[in-house]
Amino acid sequence: TAGTRLKVVGRAGTGVDNVDVDAATKNGIIVMNTPTG
């Protein structure tokens, strides 16, 4: 919510359980991971 300019949160790894994905979606922020890394 504080990230008023935020467009993307990148997780360098697979799991995104440390990211509130539902809140990101509501704020229009893309959450991406690196599933093969």
PDB file of all heavy atoms in Angstrom:
ATOM      1  N   THR A   1       0.831  -1.203   0.000  1.00  0.00           N
ATOM      2  CA  THR A   1       0.000   0.000   0.000  1.00  0.00           C
ATOM      3  C   THR A   1       0.864   1.252   0.000  1.00  0.00           C
ATOM      4  O   THR A   1       0.533   2.245  -0.664  1.00  0.00           O
ATOM      5  CB  THR A   1      -0.940  -0.003   1.225  1.00  0.00           C
ATOM      6  OG1 THR A   1      -1.743  -1.181   1.180  1.00  0.00           O
ATOM      7  CG2 THR A   1      -1.838   1.223   1.231  1.00  0.00           C
ATOM      8  N   ALA A   2       1.984   1.199   0.722  1.00  0.00           N
ATOM      9  CA  ALA A   2       2.895   2.352   0.756  1.00  0.00           C
ATOM     10  C   ALA A   2       3.595   2.562  -0.578  1.00  0.00           C
ATOM     11  O   ALA A   2       3.991   3.687  -0.914  1.00  0.00           O
ATOM     12  CB  ALA A   2       3.931   2.158   1.862  1.00  0.00           C
ATOM     13  N   GLY A   3       3.729   1.496  -1.359  1.00  0.00           N
ATOM     14  CA  GLY A   3       4.421   1.602  -2.652  1.00  0.00           C
ATOM     15  C   GLY A   3       3.525   2.191  -3.719  1.00  0.00           C
ATOM     16  O   GLY A   3       3.084   1.489  -4.638  1.00  0.00           O
ATOM     17  N   THR A   4       3.280   3.474  -3.645  1.00  0.00           N
ATOM     18  CA  THR A   4       2.339   4.135  -4.553  1.00  0.00           C
ATOM     19  C   THR A   4       2.831   4.143  -5.997  1.00  0.00           C
ATOM     20  O   THR A   4       2.032   4.295  -6.920  1.00  0.00           O
ATOM     21  CB  THR A   4       2.077   5.572  -4.086  1.00  0.00           C
ATOM     22  OG1 THR A   4       3.339   6.238  -3.865  1.00  0.00           O
ATOM     23  CG2 THR A   4       1.286   5.576  -2.773  1.00  0.00           C
ATOM     24  N   ARG A   5       4.145   3.993  -6.198  1.00  0.00           N
ATOM     25  CA  ARG A   5       4.692   3.909  -7.562  1.00  0.00           C
ATOM     26  C   ARG A   5       4.932   2.467  -8.003  1.00  0.00           C
ATOM     27  O   ARG A   5       5.275   2.213  -9.159  1.00  0.00           O
ATOM     28  CB  ARG A   5       6.036   4.648  -7.634  1.00  0.00           C
ATOM     29  CG  ARG A   5       5.939   6.145  -7.646  1.00  0.00           C
ATOM     30  CD  ARG A   5       7.318   6.795  -7.657  1.00  0.00           C
ATOM     31  NE  ARG A   5       8.225   6.275  -8.667  1.00  0.00           N
ATOM     32  CZ  ARG A   5       9.442   6.758  -8.899  1.00  0.00           C
ATOM     33  NH1 ARG A   5       9.890   7.776  -8.175  1.00  0.00           N
ATOM     34  NH2 ARG A   5      10.212   6.240  -9.830  1.00  0.00           N
ATOM     35  N   LEU A   6       4.759   1.535  -7.092  1.00  0.00           N
ATOM     36  CA  LEU A   6       5.191   0.161  -7.318  1.00  0.00           C
ATOM     37  C   LEU A   6       4.382  -0.524  -8.425  1.00  0.00           C
ATOM     38  O   LEU A   6       3.157  -0.516  -8.404  1.00  0.00           O
ATOM     39  CB  LEU A   6       5.062  -0.617  -6.009  1.00  0.00           C
ATOM     40  CG  LEU A   6       5.967  -1.825  -5.777  1.00  0.00           C
ATOM     41  CD1 LEU A   6       7.435  -1.432  -5.895  1.00  0.00           C
ATOM     42  CD2 LEU A   6       5.697  -2.417  -4.400  1.00  0.00           C
ATOM     43  N   LYS A   7       5.089  -1.104  -9.378  1.00  0.00           N
ATOM     44  CA  LYS A   7       4.449  -1.872 -10.453  1.00  0.00           C
ATOM     45  C   LYS A   7       4.748  -3.362 -10.370  1.00  0.00           C
ATOM     46  O   LYS A   7       3.972  -4.183 -10.840  1.00  0.00           O
ATOM     47  CB  LYS A   7       4.918  -1.394 -11.838  1.00  0.00           C
ATOM     48  CG  LYS A   7       4.277  -0.128 -12.339  1.00  0.00           C
ATOM     49  CD  LYS A   7       5.094   1.066 -11.966  1.00  0.00           C
ATOM     50  CE  LYS A   7       4.546   2.352 -12.557  1.00  0.00           C
ATOM     51  NZ  LYS A   7       5.343   3.503 -12.089  1.00  0.00           N
ATOM     52  N   VAL A   8       5.909  -3.719  -9.795  1.00  0.00           N
ATOM     53  CA  VAL A   8       6.301  -5.124  -9.790  1.00  0.00           C
ATOM     54  C   VAL A   8       7.085  -5.454  -8.532  1.00  0.00           C
ATOM     55  O   VAL A   8       7.896  -4.655  -8.059  1.00  0.00           O
ATOM     56  CB  VAL A   8       7.135  -5.462 -11.054  1.00  0.00           C
ATOM     57  CG1 VAL A   8       8.420  -4.637 -11.119  1.00  0.00           C
ATOM     58  CG2 VAL A   8       7.461  -6.948 -11.123  1.00  0.00           C
ATOM     59  N   VAL A   9       6.800  -6.646  -7.988  1.00  0.00           N
ATOM     60  CA  VAL A   9       7.617  -7.247  -6.935  1.00  0.00           C
ATOM     61  C   VAL A   9       8.214  -8.510  -7.531  1.00  0.00           C
ATOM     62  O   VAL A   9       7.478  -9.415  -7.953  1.00  0.00           O
ATOM     63  CB  VAL A   9       6.792  -7.594  -5.681  1.00  0.00           C
ATOM     64  CG1 VAL A   9       7.650  -8.360  -4.686  1.00  0.00           C
ATOM     65  CG2 VAL A   9       6.241  -6.331  -5.046  1.00  0.00           C
ATOM     66  N   GLY A  10       9.527  -8.566  -7.579  1.00  0.00           N
ATOM     67  CA  GLY A  10      10.215  -9.725  -8.139  1.00  0.00           C
ATOM     68  C   GLY A  10      10.796 -10.585  -7.039  1.00  0.00           C
ATOM     69  O   GLY A  10      11.555 -10.092  -6.204  1.00  0.00           O
ATOM     70  N   ARG A  11      10.433 -11.846  -7.024  1.00  0.00           N
ATOM     71  CA  ARG A  11      10.975 -12.795  -6.047  1.00  0.00           C
ATOM     72  C   ARG A  11      12.041 -13.629  -6.738  1.00  0.00           C
ATOM     73  O   ARG A  11      11.740 -14.399  -7.661  1.00  0.00           O
ATOM     74  CB  ARG A  11       9.847 -13.680  -5.510  1.00  0.00           C
ATOM     75  CG  ARG A  11      10.304 -14.956  -4.782  1.00  0.00           C
ATOM     76  CD  ARG A  11      10.960 -14.680  -3.445  1.00  0.00           C
ATOM     77  NE  ARG A  11      11.044 -15.901  -2.664  1.00  0.00           N
ATOM     78  CZ  ARG A  11      12.124 -16.685  -2.593  1.00  0.00           C
ATOM     79  NH1 ARG A  11      13.226 -16.366  -3.268  1.00  0.00           N
ATOM     80  NH2 ARG A  11      12.105 -17.778  -1.859  1.00  0.00           N
ATOM     81  N   ALA A  12      13.289 -13.463  -6.339  1.00  0.00           N
ATOM     82  CA  ALA A  12      14.397 -14.222  -6.915  1.00  0.00           C
ATOM     83  C   ALA A  12      14.389 -15.618  -6.313  1.00  0.00           C
ATOM     84  O   ALA A  12      15.144 -15.938  -5.404  1.00  0.00           O
ATOM     85  CB  ALA A  12      15.722 -13.517  -6.652  1.00  0.00           C
ATOM     86  N   GLY A  13      13.521 -16.458  -6.809  1.00  0.00           N
ATOM     87  CA  GLY A  13      13.312 -17.801  -6.303  1.00  0.00           C
ATOM     88  C   GLY A  13      11.912 -18.251  -6.663  1.00  0.00           C
ATOM     89  O   GLY A  13      11.201 -17.569  -7.411  1.00  0.00           O
ATOM     90  N   THR A  14      11.504 -19.379  -6.118  1.00  0.00           N
ATOM     91  CA  THR A  14      10.218 -19.966  -6.502  1.00  0.00           C
ATOM     92  C   THR A  14       9.076 -19.526  -5.611  1.00  0.00           C
ATOM     93  O   THR A  14       8.087 -18.970  -6.069  1.00  0.00           O
ATOM     94  CB  THR A  14      10.318 -21.507  -6.502  1.00  0.00           C
ATOM     95  OG1 THR A  14      11.380 -21.911  -7.365  1.00  0.00           O
ATOM     96  CG2 THR A  14       9.017 -22.129  -6.978  1.00  0.00           C
ATOM     97  N   GLY A  15       9.180 -19.788  -4.317  1.00  0.00           N
ATOM     98  CA  GLY A  15       8.078 -19.532  -3.402  1.00  0.00           C
ATOM     99  C   GLY A  15       7.823 -18.055  -3.183  1.00  0.00           C
ATOM    100  O   GLY A  15       8.757 -17.269  -3.070  1.00  0.00           O
ATOM    101  N   VAL A  16       6.550 -17.680  -3.108  1.00  0.00           N
ATOM    102  CA  VAL A  16       6.189 -16.277  -2.868  1.00  0.00           C
ATOM    103  C   VAL A  16       5.354 -16.138  -1.602  1.00  0.00           C
ATOM    104  O   VAL A  16       4.567 -15.203  -1.464  1.00  0.00           O
ATOM    105  CB  VAL A  16       5.429 -15.675  -4.083  1.00  0.00           C
ATOM    106  CG1 VAL A  16       6.331 -15.539  -5.286  1.00  0.00           C
ATOM    107  CG2 VAL A  16       4.200 -16.517  -4.425  1.00  0.00           C
ATOM    108  N   ASP A  17       5.538 -17.067  -0.655  1.00  0.00           N
ATOM    109  CA  ASP A  17       4.757 -16.990   0.577  1.00  0.00           C
ATOM    110  C   ASP A  17       5.203 -15.842   1.470  1.00  0.00           C
ATOM    111  O   ASP A  17       4.527 -15.544   2.461  1.00  0.00           O
ATOM    112  CB  ASP A  17       4.797 -18.317   1.341  1.00  0.00           C
ATOM    113  CG  ASP A  17       6.172 -18.948   1.376  1.00  0.00           C
ATOM    114  OD1 ASP A  17       6.648 -19.341   0.307  1.00  0.00           O
ATOM    115  OD2 ASP A  17       6.763 -19.033   2.468  1.00  0.00           O
ATOM    116  N   ASN A  18       6.330 -15.194   1.157  1.00  0.00           N
ATOM    117  CA  ASN A  18       6.727 -13.989   1.900  1.00  0.00           C
ATOM    118  C   ASN A  18       6.169 -12.718   1.266  1.00  0.00           C
ATOM    119  O   ASN A  18       6.497 -11.617   1.695  1.00  0.00           O
ATOM    120  CB  ASN A  18       8.253 -13.893   2.003  1.00  0.00           C
ATOM    121  CG  ASN A  18       8.943 -13.836   0.648  1.00  0.00           C
ATOM    122  OD1 ASN A  18       8.579 -14.578  -0.257  1.00  0.00           O
ATOM    123  ND2 ASN A  18       9.931 -12.982   0.501  1.00  0.00           N
ATOM    124  N   VAL A  19       5.328 -12.868   0.253  1.00  0.00           N
ATOM    125  CA  VAL A  19       4.693 -11.734  -0.417  1.00  0.00           C
ATOM    126  C   VAL A  19       3.180 -11.871  -0.271  1.00  0.00           C
ATOM    127  O   VAL A  19       2.624 -12.942  -0.535  1.00  0.00           O
ATOM    128  CB  VAL A  19       5.067 -11.682  -1.915  1.00  0.00           C
ATOM    129  CG1 VAL A  19       4.400 -10.484  -2.589  1.00  0.00           C
ATOM    130  CG2 VAL A  19       6.573 -11.628  -2.108  1.00  0.00           C
ATOM    131  N   ASP A  20       2.513 -10.806   0.146  1.00  0.00           N
ATOM    132  CA  ASP A  20       1.047 -10.811   0.225  1.00  0.00           C
ATOM    133  C   ASP A  20       0.507 -10.625  -1.196  1.00  0.00           C
ATOM    134  O   ASP A  20       0.286  -9.501  -1.665  1.00  0.00           O
ATOM    135  CB  ASP A  20       0.561  -9.684   1.147  1.00  0.00           C
ATOM    136  CG  ASP A  20      -0.931  -9.785   1.455  1.00  0.00           C
ATOM    137  OD1 ASP A  20      -1.675 -10.295   0.592  1.00  0.00           O
ATOM    138  OD2 ASP A  20      -1.345  -9.344   2.536  1.00  0.00           O
ATOM    139  N   VAL A  21       0.319 -11.744  -1.878  1.00  0.00           N
ATOM    140  CA  VAL A  21      -0.049 -11.711  -3.304  1.00  0.00           C
ATOM    141  C   VAL A  21      -1.430 -11.096  -3.503  1.00  0.00           C
ATOM    142  O   VAL A  21      -1.657 -10.345  -4.459  1.00  0.00           O
ATOM    143  CB  VAL A  21       0.020 -13.131  -3.905  1.00  0.00           C
ATOM    144  CG1 VAL A  21      -0.425 -13.113  -5.369  1.00  0.00           C
ATOM    145  CG2 VAL A  21       1.435 -13.687  -3.812  1.00  0.00           C
ATOM    146  N   ASP A  22      -2.376 -11.376  -2.598  1.00  0.00           N
ATOM    147  CA  ASP A  22      -3.723 -10.808  -2.734  1.00  0.00           C
ATOM    148  C   ASP A  22      -3.689  -9.285  -2.636  1.00  0.00           C
ATOM    149  O   ASP A  22      -4.353  -8.577  -3.412  1.00  0.00           O
ATOM    150  CB  ASP A  22      -4.647 -11.372  -1.653  1.00  0.00           C
ATOM    151  CG  ASP A  22      -4.979 -12.842  -1.875  1.00  0.00           C
ATOM    152  OD1 ASP A  22      -4.851 -13.298  -3.030  1.00  0.00           O
ATOM    153  OD2 ASP A  22      -5.350 -13.522  -0.909  1.00  0.00           O
ATOM    154  N   ALA A  23      -2.900  -8.777  -1.685  1.00  0.00           N
ATOM    155  CA  ALA A  23      -2.787  -7.319  -1.545  1.00  0.00           C
ATOM    156  C   ALA A  23      -2.100  -6.715  -2.758  1.00  0.00           C
ATOM    157  O   ALA A  23      -2.468  -5.627  -3.218  1.00  0.00           O
ATOM    158  CB  ALA A  23      -2.021  -6.973  -0.267  1.00  0.00           C
ATOM    159  N   ALA A  24      -1.103  -7.401  -3.295  1.00  0.00           N
ATOM    160  CA  ALA A  24      -0.429  -6.913  -4.495  1.00  0.00           C
ATOM    161  C   ALA A  24      -1.404  -6.817  -5.660  1.00  0.00           C
ATOM    162  O   ALA A  24      -1.428  -5.821  -6.395  1.00  0.00           O
ATOM    163  CB  ALA A  24       0.737  -7.833  -4.855  1.00  0.00           C
ATOM    164  N   THR A  25      -2.228  -7.839  -5.828  1.00  0.00           N
ATOM    165  CA  THR A  25      -3.204  -7.845  -6.917  1.00  0.00           C
ATOM    166  C   THR A  25      -4.166  -6.674  -6.773  1.00  0.00           C
ATOM    167  O   THR A  25      -4.452  -5.961  -7.748  1.00  0.00           O
ATOM    168  CB  THR A  25      -3.974  -9.175  -6.930  1.00  0.00           C
ATOM    169  OG1 THR A  25      -3.045 -10.258  -7.065  1.00  0.00           O
ATOM    170  CG2 THR A  25      -4.968  -9.213  -8.077  1.00  0.00           C
ATOM    171  N   LYS A  26      -4.678  -6.462  -5.556  1.00  0.00           N
ATOM    172  CA  LYS A  26      -5.627  -5.381  -5.343  1.00  0.00           C
ATOM    173  C   LYS A  26      -5.002  -4.028  -5.644  1.00  0.00           C
ATOM    174  O   LYS A  26      -5.668  -3.100  -6.119  1.00  0.00           O
ATOM    175  CB  LYS A  26      -6.137  -5.420  -3.905  1.00  0.00           C
ATOM    176  CG  LYS A  26      -7.353  -4.551  -3.679  1.00  0.00           C
ATOM    177  CD  LYS A  26      -8.290  -5.143  -2.653  1.00  0.00           C
ATOM    178  CE  LYS A  26      -9.638  -4.455  -2.681  1.00  0.00           C
ATOM    179  NZ  LYS A  26     -10.609  -5.069  -1.771  1.00  0.00           N
ATOM    180  N   ASN A  27      -3.703  -3.901  -5.381  1.00  0.00           N
ATOM    181  CA  ASN A  27      -2.999  -2.650  -5.662  1.00  0.00           C
ATOM    182  C   ASN A  27      -2.488  -2.569  -7.096  1.00  0.00           C
ATOM    183  O   ASN A  27      -1.785  -1.613  -7.448  1.00  0.00           O
ATOM    184  CB  ASN A  27      -1.839  -2.476  -4.679  1.00  0.00           C
ATOM    185  CG  ASN A  27      -2.300  -2.017  -3.310  1.00  0.00           C
ATOM    186  OD1 ASN A  27      -2.577  -0.839  -3.090  1.00  0.00           O
ATOM    187  ND2 ASN A  27      -2.408  -2.949  -2.372  1.00  0.00           N
ATOM    188  N   GLY A  28      -2.814  -3.574  -7.904  1.00  0.00           N
ATOM    189  CA  GLY A  28      -2.413  -3.546  -9.319  1.00  0.00           C
ATOM    190  C   GLY A  28      -0.940  -3.787  -9.532  1.00  0.00           C
ATOM    191  O   GLY A  28      -0.368  -3.328 -10.525  1.00  0.00           O
ATOM    192  N   ILE A  29      -0.307  -4.529  -8.620  1.00  0.00           N
ATOM    193  CA  ILE A  29       1.137  -4.767  -8.678  1.00  0.00           C
ATOM    194  C   ILE A  29       1.393  -6.198  -9.135  1.00  0.00           C
ATOM    195  O   ILE A  29       0.840  -7.151  -8.574  1.00  0.00           O
ATOM    196  CB  ILE A  29       1.780  -4.537  -7.295  1.00  0.00           C
ATOM    197  CG1 ILE A  29       1.560  -3.090  -6.845  1.00  0.00           C
ATOM    198  CG2 ILE A  29       3.270  -4.866  -7.321  1.00  0.00           C
ATOM    199  CD1 ILE A  29       1.853  -2.858  -5.374  1.00  0.00           C
ATOM    200  N   ILE A  30       2.223  -6.365 -10.135  1.00  0.00           N
ATOM    201  CA  ILE A  30       2.591  -7.697 -10.616  1.00  0.00           C
ATOM    202  C   ILE A  30       3.553  -8.339  -9.625  1.00  0.00           C
ATOM    203  O   ILE A  30       4.513  -7.709  -9.176  1.00  0.00           O
ATOM    204  CB  ILE A  30       3.264  -7.616 -12.001  1.00  0.00           C
ATOM    205  CG1 ILE A  30       2.280  -7.086 -13.054  1.00  0.00           C
ATOM    206  CG2 ILE A  30       3.807  -8.975 -12.427  1.00  0.00           C
ATOM    207  CD1 ILE A  30       2.934  -6.770 -14.385  1.00  0.00           C
ATOM    208  N   VAL A  31       3.298  -9.600  -9.277  1.00  0.00           N
ATOM    209  CA  VAL A  31       4.243 -10.397  -8.493  1.00  0.00           C
ATOM    210  C   VAL A  31       4.814 -11.452  -9.425  1.00  0.00           C
ATOM    211  O   VAL A  31       4.072 -12.236 -10.011  1.00  0.00           O
ATOM    212  CB  VAL A  31       3.557 -11.075  -7.288  1.00  0.00           C
ATOM    213  CG1 VAL A  31       4.559 -11.940  -6.521  1.00  0.00           C
ATOM    214  CG2 VAL A  31       2.950 -10.030  -6.361  1.00  0.00           C
ATOM    215  N   MET A  32       6.128 -11.447  -9.587  1.00  0.00           N
ATOM    216  CA  MET A  32       6.755 -12.448 -10.452  1.00  0.00           C
ATOM    217  C   MET A  32       7.824 -13.216  -9.676  1.00  0.00           C
ATOM    218  O   MET A  32       8.443 -12.697  -8.755  1.00  0.00           O
ATOM    219  CB  MET A  32       7.349 -11.815 -11.711  1.00  0.00           C
ATOM    220  CG  MET A  32       8.424 -10.788 -11.471  1.00  0.00           C
ATOM    221  SD  MET A  32       9.298 -10.271 -12.995  1.00  0.00           S
ATOM    222  CE  MET A  32       7.997  -9.572 -13.985  1.00  0.00           C
ATOM    223  N   ASN A  33       8.002 -14.479 -10.042  1.00  0.00           N
ATOM    224  CA  ASN A  33       9.060 -15.292  -9.451  1.00  0.00           C
ATOM    225  C   ASN A  33       9.934 -15.871 -10.545  1.00  0.00           C
ATOM    226  O   ASN A  33       9.730 -15.586 -11.732  1.00  0.00           O
ATOM    227  CB  ASN A  33       8.456 -16.398  -8.578  1.00  0.00           C
ATOM    228  CG  ASN A  33       7.682 -17.436  -9.395  1.00  0.00           C
ATOM    229  OD1 ASN A  33       7.419 -17.253 -10.580  1.00  0.00           O
ATOM    230  ND2 ASN A  33       7.296 -18.521  -8.753  1.00  0.00           N
ATOM    231  N   THR A  34      10.943 -16.629 -10.148  1.00  0.00           N
ATOM    232  CA  THR A  34      11.826 -17.302 -11.107  1.00  0.00           C
ATOM    233  C   THR A  34      11.683 -18.797 -10.881  1.00  0.00           C
ATOM    234  O   THR A  34      12.485 -19.406 -10.166  1.00  0.00           O
ATOM    235  CB  THR A  34      13.286 -16.860 -10.924  1.00  0.00           C
ATOM    236  OG1 THR A  34      13.686 -17.094  -9.570  1.00  0.00           O
ATOM    237  CG2 THR A  34      13.442 -15.384 -11.225  1.00  0.00           C
ATOM    238  N   PRO A  35      10.666 -19.406 -11.463  1.00  0.00           N
ATOM    239  CA  PRO A  35      10.336 -20.788 -11.128  1.00  0.00           C
ATOM    240  C   PRO A  35      11.404 -21.810 -11.482  1.00  0.00           C
ATOM    241  O   PRO A  35      11.429 -22.898 -10.910  1.00  0.00           O
ATOM    242  CB  PRO A  35       9.047 -21.042 -11.908  1.00  0.00           C
ATOM    243  CG  PRO A  35       9.022 -20.010 -12.981  1.00  0.00           C
ATOM    244  CD  PRO A  35       9.723 -18.825 -12.429  1.00  0.00           C
ATOM    245  N   THR A  36      12.298 -21.487 -12.407  1.00  0.00           N
ATOM    246  CA  THR A  36      13.305 -22.477 -12.806  1.00  0.00           C
ATOM    247  C   THR A  36      14.665 -22.230 -12.169  1.00  0.00           C
ATOM    248  O   THR A  36      15.527 -23.100 -12.212  1.00  0.00           O
ATOM    249  CB  THR A  36      13.491 -22.471 -14.337  1.00  0.00           C
ATOM    250  OG1 THR A  36      13.976 -21.182 -14.751  1.00  0.00           O
ATOM    251  CG2 THR A  36      12.169 -22.734 -15.036  1.00  0.00           C
ATOM    252  N   GLY A  37      14.858 -21.072 -11.544  1.00  0.00           N
ATOM    253  CA  GLY A  37      16.196 -20.669 -11.122  1.00  0.00           C
ATOM    254  C   GLY A  37      16.877 -21.596 -10.137  1.00  0.00           C
ATOM    255  O   GLY A  37      18.070 -21.871 -10.245  1.00  0.00           O
TER     256      GLY A  37
END
